[in-house]
Amino acid sequence: MSNDGQYDLIVIGAGLAGSEVAWAAAQAGRRVRLYEMRPVRHTPAHRTDMCGELVCSNSFRSNAPDNAVGMLKEEMRRLGSLIMQVAEETKIPAGKGLAIDRERFAEGITARLQSHPLITLQREEVTSLRALAEQYQRPLVVASGPLTAEALAADIRSLTHAEDLYFYDSMAPLLATASLDPAQMFRASRYGVGEDYLNAPMSRAEYQKFVMAVAQAEKVPPRHFEDPKYFEGCLPIEVMAERGIETLRHGPMKPFGLKDPRTGREPYAVVQLRFDNRAETIVNMVGFQTRMTWPEQQRILRTITGLATAEFLRMGAMHRNTYLNAPKLLDPTFALRSAPWPVQFAGQITGVEGYVESAAIGLYVGLLQVGRLRSAPPLATALGALTEHVTNGNHLKFEPMNANWGLTPPLPAHVPYQTRKAAYRDRARQEMIHWLKEEGFAG
């Protein structure tokens, strides 16, 4: 093996985030050793040993910049993203979306990394960050992804705390507050105690029709590497619906202690929406984790009172995921506060959802690592909002997040809802261009 001192940076994981970190560093003249455990050790989901292999989909979602993930891709292109370069070369027709040929994409990423003179791709499983830090005496970046192997996950847990590393992710849908009809809902807390929620009331007939629709909806089957056993305190709503017509009404849809001020009575059932940020631009559907397919979620959940025109910022999901309680553990540069040596985290393990978001965090960490960027991106940009959520969100109720405009500062109240996405887009673009100019970033 080559002299360990010849490397400037050690990166663990050659998925989307790790590939971005390694590429950004190498393009800045840093010598990188990039560890990838496949094919020495396979994950339950990957089929090949190629870098940047996509597992569950070939879609990078919307390319339209008035969509937050579309703007995130535009921002990544400005920052010199490897993932966006290769995605453009391997894209296939997908309307306004960006879909790619998965095999050609992974081949392209692998070829780029293997041919770079400053990147050494090491096929070896990493089980101890301390051992690696002591061996190289160089900064580490961990981009091991949502399927981090057991030994490395245990090692990460020893550096943090068991309760701050999550292995099974359940997420309720997030909605844009401005897309709801507040006239059909009421704001109250149960028994008048605690924080206020938006409450969507249901009559008995509406509730029973809803429960039947949930029970009969098309579901996403667990993948072969996921254990479908659920915690009783975190059941999918469809599992509760299948247990009996009244189960949901005594679970997340319980009306008890909630009087509708318009009638003075408790509704038969209620859906509670909790504000997810200080600006109250995002609401979380309390207790509505689900495996219903995304089209079914939109169809059925929009039948709830006040949600007919709901804009979904994140769909409900339940899947295996390994991620940190990042706001508690990581500083604004994504470095682990408690580590006795320099180690940063990047990608999905930091608590972001989606291929694009994972790659974006890898790109940002790589550019921070080599000093190409010195300050955080503006909060009005898609990247800035995402990094703020990860490093400065509420650690008491932290959940993985997709890029969405609800994470950005609210627009002035006078902007009509129909033009708000364009306003978000224009503001993000202007602030990104200004920030890059101030940073002296020429791409």
Protein backbone atom coordinates (compact mmCIF):
# COMPACT_ATOMS: atom_id res chain seq x y z
CA MET A 1 0.00 0.00 0.00
CA SER A 2 1.14 3.56 -0.73
CA ASN A 3 2.46 5.79 2.00
CA ASP A 4 -0.56 6.87 4.04
CA GLY A 5 0.78 10.40 4.36
CA GLN A 6 0.32 11.06 0.67
CA TYR A 7 -3.42 11.73 1.07
CA ASP A 8 -5.04 15.01 2.09
CA LEU A 9 -8.56 13.70 2.66
CA ILE A 10 -10.18 10.34 3.42
CA VAL A 11 -13.74 9.78 2.21
CA ILE A 12 -15.88 6.81 3.28
CA GLY A 13 -18.56 5.75 0.83
CA ALA A 14 -18.67 6.15 -2.95
CA GLY A 15 -22.36 6.81 -3.32
CA LEU A 16 -23.69 10.11 -4.59
CA ALA A 17 -22.49 12.19 -1.63
CA GLY A 18 -19.09 10.54 -1.28
CA SER A 19 -18.46 10.84 -5.01
CA GLU A 20 -19.25 14.56 -4.84
CA VAL A 21 -16.93 15.08 -1.86
CA ALA A 22 -14.05 13.23 -3.51
CA TRP A 23 -14.52 14.99 -6.85
CA ALA A 24 -14.75 18.49 -5.35
CA ALA A 25 -11.62 17.90 -3.31
CA ALA A 26 -9.64 16.38 -6.18
CA GLN A 27 -10.67 19.15 -8.55
CA ALA A 28 -9.23 21.59 -6.01
CA GLY A 29 -5.91 19.75 -6.06
CA ARG A 30 -6.36 17.58 -2.95
CA ARG A 31 -5.24 13.95 -2.88
CA VAL A 32 -8.17 11.75 -1.90
CA ARG A 33 -8.48 8.15 -0.77
CA LEU A 34 -12.07 7.08 -1.37
CA TYR A 35 -13.22 3.95 0.48
CA GLU A 36 -16.03 1.82 -0.92
CA MET A 37 -16.83 -1.53 0.71
CA ARG A 38 -18.42 -3.11 -2.36
CA PRO A 39 -17.66 -5.74 -3.67
CA VAL A 40 -15.79 -6.85 -0.53
CA ARG A 41 -19.06 -6.43 1.34
CA HIS A 42 -22.39 -5.87 -0.37
CA THR A 43 -25.44 -3.99 0.88
CA PRO A 44 -28.88 -5.61 0.77
CA ALA A 45 -29.99 -3.14 -1.94
CA HIS A 46 -27.13 -2.57 -4.38
CA ARG A 47 -26.65 -4.89 -7.37
CA THR A 48 -23.21 -3.80 -8.59
CA ASP A 49 -19.93 -2.49 -7.21
CA MET A 50 -20.13 0.74 -9.21
CA CYS A 51 -19.90 4.15 -7.60
CA GLY A 52 -23.01 6.30 -7.53
CA GLU A 53 -25.35 3.36 -8.10
CA LEU A 54 -28.99 4.38 -7.72
CA VAL A 55 -31.07 1.83 -5.86
CA CYS A 56 -34.80 2.55 -5.84
CA SER A 57 -35.44 4.90 -8.75
CA ASN A 58 -33.82 6.41 -11.81
CA SER A 59 -35.40 9.81 -11.21
CA PHE A 60 -33.83 12.97 -9.86
CA ARG A 61 -37.32 14.48 -9.85
CA SER A 62 -38.27 17.87 -11.25
CA ASN A 63 -35.92 19.95 -13.37
CA ALA A 64 -38.17 23.02 -13.21
CA PRO A 65 -36.49 25.74 -11.10
CA ASP A 66 -39.79 26.94 -9.65
CA ASN A 67 -39.73 23.62 -7.78
CA ALA A 68 -37.24 23.62 -4.87
CA VAL A 69 -35.50 20.43 -5.97
CA GLY A 70 -35.23 21.82 -9.51
CA MET A 71 -33.61 24.96 -8.11
CA LEU A 72 -31.30 22.80 -5.98
CA LYS A 73 -30.08 21.10 -9.16
CA GLU A 74 -29.51 24.50 -10.79
CA GLU A 75 -27.47 25.58 -7.77
CA MET A 76 -25.45 22.36 -7.87
CA ARG A 77 -24.60 22.95 -11.52
CA ARG A 78 -23.30 26.41 -10.62
CA LEU A 79 -21.09 24.77 -7.98
CA GLY A 80 -19.57 22.25 -10.39
CA SER A 81 -21.48 19.11 -9.36
CA LEU A 82 -20.12 15.83 -10.73
CA ILE A 83 -23.52 14.17 -10.23
CA MET A 84 -25.32 16.79 -12.32
CA GLN A 85 -22.68 16.60 -15.07
CA VAL A 86 -23.01 12.84 -15.45
CA ALA A 87 -26.80 12.95 -15.04
CA GLU A 88 -26.98 15.35 -17.99
CA GLU A 89 -24.86 12.98 -20.09
CA THR A 90 -27.01 9.94 -19.27
CA LYS A 91 -30.50 11.46 -19.09
CA ILE A 92 -33.50 9.86 -20.76
CA PRO A 93 -36.82 11.51 -21.76
CA ALA A 94 -38.89 12.35 -18.69
CA GLY A 95 -40.87 15.51 -19.45
CA LYS A 96 -40.03 18.20 -16.92
CA GLY A 97 -38.17 15.70 -14.75
CA LEU A 98 -34.57 14.53 -14.82
CA ALA A 99 -34.41 10.76 -15.20
CA ILE A 100 -31.27 8.87 -16.09
CA ASP A 101 -30.09 5.55 -17.45
CA ARG A 102 -29.01 4.04 -14.13
CA GLU A 103 -26.35 1.72 -15.51
CA ARG A 104 -24.74 4.35 -17.74
CA PHE A 105 -24.90 6.88 -14.93
CA ALA A 106 -23.06 4.63 -12.44
CA GLU A 107 -20.54 3.67 -15.12
CA GLY A 108 -19.91 7.36 -15.81
CA ILE A 109 -19.40 8.23 -12.14
CA THR A 110 -17.09 5.26 -11.62
CA ALA A 111 -15.02 6.05 -14.71
CA ARG A 112 -14.61 9.70 -13.66
CA LEU A 113 -13.44 8.78 -10.17
CA GLN A 114 -11.13 5.96 -11.24
CA SER A 115 -9.45 8.05 -13.92
CA HIS A 116 -8.83 11.11 -11.76
CA PRO A 117 -5.10 11.28 -10.95
CA LEU A 118 -5.73 12.56 -7.42
CA ILE A 119 -8.36 9.98 -6.39
CA THR A 120 -7.49 6.48 -5.16
CA LEU A 121 -10.53 4.20 -4.97
CA GLN A 122 -9.96 1.71 -2.15
CA ARG A 123 -12.25 -1.36 -2.14
CA GLU A 124 -12.34 -2.09 1.57
CA GLU A 125 -14.87 -2.01 4.40
CA VAL A 126 -14.25 0.63 7.08
CA THR A 127 -15.25 -0.48 10.56
CA SER A 128 -13.43 2.04 12.78
CA LEU A 129 -13.20 5.78 12.25
CA ARG A 130 -10.64 6.10 15.03
CA ALA A 131 -8.33 3.56 13.38
CA LEU A 132 -8.62 5.40 10.07
CA ALA A 133 -7.97 8.79 11.69
CA GLU A 134 -4.91 7.45 13.49
CA GLN A 135 -3.61 5.72 10.36
CA TYR A 136 -3.81 8.74 8.07
CA GLN A 137 -3.73 11.72 10.44
CA ARG A 138 -5.98 13.45 7.93
CA PRO A 139 -9.57 14.72 7.95
CA LEU A 140 -12.31 12.14 7.38
CA VAL A 141 -15.64 12.57 5.62
CA VAL A 142 -18.26 9.88 6.30
CA ALA A 143 -20.75 9.50 3.44
CA SER A 144 -21.79 5.91 4.11
CA GLY A 145 -25.46 6.46 3.28
CA PRO A 146 -28.76 5.11 4.59
CA LEU A 147 -27.55 1.49 4.47
CA THR A 148 -24.40 1.99 6.57
CA ALA A 149 -23.01 -1.43 7.48
CA GLU A 150 -23.52 -2.67 11.03
CA ALA A 151 -19.91 -2.40 12.18
CA LEU A 152 -19.47 1.18 11.02
CA ALA A 153 -22.89 2.16 12.36
CA ALA A 154 -21.91 0.75 15.77
CA ASP A 155 -18.67 2.72 15.63
CA ILE A 156 -20.53 5.93 14.77
CA ARG A 157 -22.93 5.23 17.61
CA SER A 158 -20.01 4.96 20.02
CA LEU A 159 -18.89 8.45 18.99
CA THR A 160 -22.36 9.89 19.50
CA HIS A 161 -25.17 8.26 21.47
CA ALA A 162 -27.43 5.33 20.63
CA GLU A 163 -30.53 7.51 20.73
CA ASP A 164 -29.03 9.94 18.19
CA LEU A 165 -28.52 7.42 15.37
CA TYR A 166 -31.72 6.19 13.77
CA PHE A 167 -32.17 3.00 11.78
CA TYR A 168 -35.80 2.97 10.73
CA ASP A 169 -37.40 6.06 9.39
CA SER A 170 -41.10 6.85 9.55
CA MET A 171 -42.25 10.14 8.12
CA ALA A 172 -45.65 11.78 7.98
CA PRO A 173 -46.52 13.99 5.00
CA LEU A 174 -45.59 17.67 5.11
CA LEU A 175 -47.90 20.26 3.53
CA ALA A 176 -47.55 23.91 2.56
CA THR A 177 -49.69 25.89 5.01
CA ALA A 178 -50.66 28.42 2.33
CA SER A 179 -52.24 25.64 0.24
CA LEU A 180 -54.79 24.73 2.95
CA ASP A 181 -58.24 26.17 3.59
CA PRO A 182 -58.11 27.47 7.19
CA ALA A 183 -61.81 28.43 7.08
CA GLN A 184 -62.67 24.72 7.21
CA MET A 185 -60.36 24.02 10.16
CA PHE A 186 -59.92 25.36 13.67
CA ARG A 187 -56.83 26.11 15.69
CA ALA A 188 -56.68 24.60 19.18
CA SER A 189 -54.72 22.37 21.53
CA ARG A 190 -56.11 19.28 23.22
CA TYR A 191 -57.91 20.25 26.45
CA GLY A 192 -56.48 23.74 25.90
CA VAL A 193 -53.00 22.59 26.97
CA GLY A 194 -49.75 22.80 24.99
CA GLU A 195 -49.04 24.06 21.51
CA ASP A 196 -51.82 24.88 19.07
CA TYR A 197 -52.52 22.66 16.08
CA LEU A 198 -54.60 23.15 12.98
CA ASN A 199 -57.45 20.69 13.35
CA ALA A 200 -59.40 19.28 10.41
CA PRO A 201 -62.74 17.95 11.74
CA MET A 202 -64.62 14.98 10.30
CA SER A 203 -68.19 13.79 10.67
CA ARG A 204 -68.88 10.12 11.29
CA ALA A 205 -69.70 9.48 7.62
CA GLU A 206 -66.59 11.34 6.43
CA TYR A 207 -64.40 9.44 8.87
CA GLN A 208 -65.72 6.00 7.93
CA LYS A 209 -65.35 6.74 4.22
CA PHE A 210 -61.76 7.88 4.83
CA VAL A 211 -60.85 4.77 6.83
CA MET A 212 -62.21 2.49 4.10
CA ALA A 213 -60.23 4.37 1.44
CA VAL A 214 -57.00 4.05 3.46
CA ALA A 215 -57.54 0.33 4.04
CA GLN A 216 -58.14 -0.30 0.33
CA ALA A 217 -55.37 1.97 -0.98
CA GLU A 218 -52.41 0.69 -2.97
CA LYS A 219 -49.37 0.27 -0.71
CA VAL A 220 -45.62 0.28 -1.35
CA PRO A 221 -44.41 -3.22 -0.39
CA PRO A 222 -41.37 -3.44 1.91
CA ARG A 223 -38.14 -3.93 0.03
CA HIS A 224 -36.35 -7.22 0.48
CA PHE A 225 -33.87 -5.75 2.98
CA GLU A 226 -36.53 -4.10 5.16
CA ASP A 227 -38.15 -5.78 8.14
CA PRO A 228 -41.89 -4.93 7.99
CA LYS A 229 -42.27 -5.18 11.78
CA TYR A 230 -43.46 -1.84 13.18
CA PHE A 231 -43.33 -0.23 16.60
CA GLU A 232 -46.78 -0.08 18.17
CA GLY A 233 -46.30 3.63 18.80
CA CYS A 234 -45.45 4.31 15.17
CA LEU A 235 -47.82 2.23 13.06
CA PRO A 236 -48.67 3.14 9.46
CA ILE A 237 -52.20 4.52 9.27
CA GLU A 238 -53.22 1.73 6.91
CA VAL A 239 -52.21 -0.90 9.49
CA MET A 240 -54.41 0.85 12.05
CA ALA A 241 -57.24 1.09 9.52
CA GLU A 242 -57.07 -2.66 8.93
CA ARG A 243 -57.40 -3.33 12.67
CA GLY A 244 -60.91 -1.92 12.83
CA ILE A 245 -63.05 1.02 11.83
CA GLU A 246 -62.58 2.82 15.18
CA THR A 247 -58.80 2.28 15.60
CA LEU A 248 -57.67 5.50 13.91
CA ARG A 249 -60.27 7.46 15.87
CA HIS A 250 -58.57 6.28 19.06
CA GLY A 251 -55.12 6.90 17.60
CA PRO A 252 -53.85 9.86 15.56
CA MET A 253 -57.40 10.94 14.64
CA LYS A 254 -58.79 11.07 18.17
CA PRO A 255 -61.06 14.09 18.72
CA PHE A 256 -61.14 13.94 22.51
CA GLY A 257 -60.41 17.25 24.22
CA LEU A 258 -60.78 19.23 20.99
CA LYS A 259 -63.89 21.39 20.75
CA ASP A 260 -64.67 23.06 17.46
CA PRO A 261 -65.32 26.72 18.46
CA ARG A 262 -67.80 27.03 15.61
CA THR A 263 -70.08 24.33 17.03
CA GLY A 264 -68.98 24.08 20.64
CA ARG A 265 -68.75 20.28 20.25
CA GLU A 266 -66.08 17.66 19.71
CA PRO A 267 -65.94 16.42 16.09
CA TYR A 268 -66.40 12.71 15.50
CA ALA A 269 -62.76 12.54 14.39
CA VAL A 270 -60.01 15.03 13.66
CA VAL A 271 -56.76 15.22 11.72
CA GLN A 272 -54.17 17.36 13.51
CA LEU A 273 -51.63 19.44 11.61
CA ARG A 274 -48.61 20.61 13.60
CA PHE A 275 -46.59 23.61 12.47
CA ASP A 276 -43.16 22.34 11.48
CA ASN A 277 -41.22 25.61 11.46
CA ARG A 278 -41.25 28.97 13.23
CA ALA A 279 -42.64 30.80 10.22
CA GLU A 280 -45.61 28.35 10.18
CA THR A 281 -45.23 27.82 6.43
CA ILE A 282 -45.08 24.01 6.81
CA VAL A 283 -47.42 21.64 8.65
CA ASN A 284 -46.88 18.02 9.59
CA MET A 285 -49.77 15.54 9.50
CA VAL A 286 -49.47 14.24 13.04
CA GLY A 287 -49.22 10.45 13.24
CA PHE A 288 -49.81 9.93 9.52
CA GLN A 289 -46.78 7.81 8.65
CA THR A 290 -47.80 5.55 5.78
CA ARG A 291 -46.75 3.11 3.09
CA MET A 292 -49.50 4.19 0.70
CA THR A 293 -48.12 4.98 -2.75
CA TRP A 294 -47.58 8.66 -3.45
CA PRO A 295 -50.52 8.99 -5.90
CA GLU A 296 -52.78 7.28 -3.37
CA GLN A 297 -51.59 9.59 -0.59
CA GLN A 298 -52.43 12.65 -2.64
CA ARG A 299 -55.81 11.27 -3.74
CA ILE A 300 -56.97 10.10 -0.30
CA LEU A 301 -55.45 12.76 1.96
CA ARG A 302 -56.95 15.54 -0.15
CA THR A 303 -60.40 14.28 0.87
CA ILE A 304 -59.70 15.51 4.42
CA THR A 305 -61.47 18.72 5.40
CA GLY A 306 -59.48 21.75 4.24
CA LEU A 307 -56.92 19.71 2.29
CA ALA A 308 -58.59 19.62 -1.14
CA THR A 309 -55.85 21.78 -2.71
CA ALA A 310 -53.02 20.69 -0.40
CA GLU A 311 -49.47 21.02 -1.75
CA PHE A 312 -47.35 18.11 -0.54
CA LEU A 313 -43.82 19.17 0.38
CA ARG A 314 -42.89 15.65 1.47
CA MET A 315 -44.84 12.44 1.12
CA GLY A 316 -45.31 9.99 3.96
CA ALA A 317 -42.91 7.07 4.06
CA MET A 318 -41.60 4.21 6.15
CA HIS A 319 -38.27 2.71 5.22
CA ARG A 320 -34.94 1.64 6.57
CA ASN A 321 -32.62 4.58 7.01
CA THR A 322 -29.51 5.36 9.03
CA TYR A 323 -29.19 9.02 9.91
CA LEU A 324 -27.86 11.27 12.64
CA ASN A 325 -29.68 13.74 14.83
CA ALA A 326 -27.63 16.28 12.91
CA PRO A 327 -28.72 19.57 14.57
CA LYS A 328 -27.57 18.14 17.90
CA LEU A 329 -24.37 16.47 16.71
CA LEU A 330 -22.98 18.46 13.77
CA ASP A 331 -21.67 22.00 13.54
CA PRO A 332 -22.44 24.29 10.56
CA THR A 333 -19.58 22.70 8.57
CA PHE A 334 -21.10 19.22 9.12
CA ALA A 335 -18.24 18.29 11.48
CA LEU A 336 -19.02 16.01 14.42
CA ARG A 337 -18.71 18.17 17.53
CA SER A 338 -17.81 15.31 19.87
CA ALA A 339 -15.07 13.70 17.74
CA PRO A 340 -11.47 13.90 19.05
CA TRP A 341 -10.21 14.27 15.45
CA PRO A 342 -11.58 16.02 12.35
CA VAL A 343 -14.55 14.13 10.90
CA GLN A 344 -17.42 15.47 8.82
CA PHE A 345 -20.57 13.74 7.62
CA ALA A 346 -22.17 14.15 4.22
CA GLY A 347 -25.19 12.91 2.32
CA GLN A 348 -28.26 11.06 3.48
CA ILE A 349 -26.73 10.06 6.81
CA THR A 350 -26.96 13.75 7.83
CA GLY A 351 -30.75 13.68 7.64
CA VAL A 352 -31.75 14.64 4.12
CA GLU A 353 -34.14 12.73 1.89
CA GLY A 354 -33.59 12.04 -1.79
CA TYR A 355 -30.81 11.47 -4.29
CA VAL A 356 -30.41 15.14 -5.22
CA GLU A 357 -30.38 16.33 -1.62
CA SER A 358 -27.79 13.70 -0.66
CA ALA A 359 -25.50 14.69 -3.52
CA ALA A 360 -25.98 18.40 -2.75
CA ILE A 361 -24.80 17.98 0.85
CA GLY A 362 -21.80 15.97 -0.39
CA LEU A 363 -20.92 18.72 -2.85
CA TYR A 364 -21.25 21.41 -0.19
CA VAL A 365 -19.11 19.50 2.35
CA GLY A 366 -16.46 18.85 -0.30
CA LEU A 367 -16.26 22.54 -1.20
CA LEU A 368 -16.10 23.51 2.48
CA GLN A 369 -13.36 20.96 3.06
CA VAL A 370 -11.07 22.53 0.45
CA GLY A 371 -11.92 26.14 1.25
CA ARG A 372 -13.72 26.88 -2.02
CA LEU A 373 -16.62 28.17 0.09
CA ARG A 374 -16.19 30.14 3.30
CA SER A 375 -19.74 31.01 4.36
CA ALA A 376 -23.10 29.28 4.45
CA PRO A 377 -25.39 29.76 1.43
CA PRO A 378 -28.27 32.20 1.88
CA LEU A 379 -31.36 30.78 3.56
CA ALA A 380 -33.50 31.77 0.58
CA THR A 381 -31.59 29.36 -1.67
CA ALA A 382 -32.58 25.70 -1.87
CA LEU A 383 -29.12 24.61 -0.69
CA GLY A 384 -29.04 27.16 2.12
CA ALA A 385 -32.46 26.14 3.42
CA LEU A 386 -31.52 22.46 3.34
CA THR A 387 -28.20 22.95 5.16
CA GLU A 388 -29.92 25.15 7.75
CA HIS A 389 -32.49 22.42 8.41
CA VAL A 390 -29.76 19.83 8.92
CA THR A 391 -27.33 21.80 11.06
CA ASN A 392 -29.64 24.21 12.88
CA GLY A 393 -33.05 22.53 12.95
CA ASN A 394 -34.98 21.48 16.03
CA HIS A 395 -33.05 18.51 17.40
CA LEU A 396 -35.99 17.51 19.62
CA LYS A 397 -38.13 16.60 16.60
CA PHE A 398 -35.59 16.29 13.79
CA GLU A 399 -36.65 14.30 10.73
CA PRO A 400 -35.09 13.80 7.29
CA MET A 401 -36.25 16.35 4.75
CA ASN A 402 -36.47 16.86 1.00
CA ALA A 403 -35.70 20.24 -0.51
CA ASN A 404 -38.84 22.36 -0.41
CA TRP A 405 -39.71 26.04 -0.41
CA GLY A 406 -41.28 25.73 3.02
CA LEU A 407 -37.76 25.56 4.49
CA THR A 408 -36.94 29.02 3.14
CA PRO A 409 -37.95 32.32 4.79
CA PRO A 410 -41.56 33.27 4.07
CA LEU A 411 -42.35 35.56 1.18
CA PRO A 412 -44.17 38.87 1.75
CA ALA A 413 -47.83 38.30 2.45
CA HIS A 414 -48.90 40.27 -0.62
CA VAL A 415 -47.44 37.69 -3.05
CA PRO A 416 -50.43 35.73 -4.45
CA TYR A 417 -50.35 31.98 -3.88
CA GLN A 418 -50.51 31.33 -7.63
CA THR A 419 -47.19 33.15 -8.21
CA ARG A 420 -45.38 32.14 -5.04
CA LYS A 421 -43.28 29.38 -6.61
CA ALA A 422 -41.99 31.78 -9.25
CA ALA A 423 -41.22 34.30 -6.50
CA TYR A 424 -39.31 31.67 -4.51
CA ARG A 425 -37.40 30.73 -7.67
CA ASP A 426 -36.43 34.30 -8.56
CA ARG A 427 -35.36 35.12 -5.01
CA ALA A 428 -33.28 31.95 -4.70
CA ARG A 429 -31.57 32.51 -8.02
CA GLN A 430 -30.69 36.12 -7.26
CA GLU A 431 -29.33 35.29 -3.82
CA MET A 432 -27.28 32.35 -5.09
CA ILE A 433 -25.68 34.46 -7.81
CA HIS A 434 -24.90 37.25 -5.31
CA TRP A 435 -23.46 34.78 -2.78
CA LEU A 436 -21.20 33.09 -5.31
CA LYS A 437 -19.94 36.48 -6.45
CA GLU A 438 -19.12 37.42 -2.86
CA GLU A 439 -17.38 34.07 -2.37
CA GLY A 440 -15.34 34.61 -5.51
CA PHE A 441 -16.57 31.27 -6.80
CA ALA A 442 -15.97 31.00 -10.54
CA GLY A 443 -17.03 27.35 -10.90
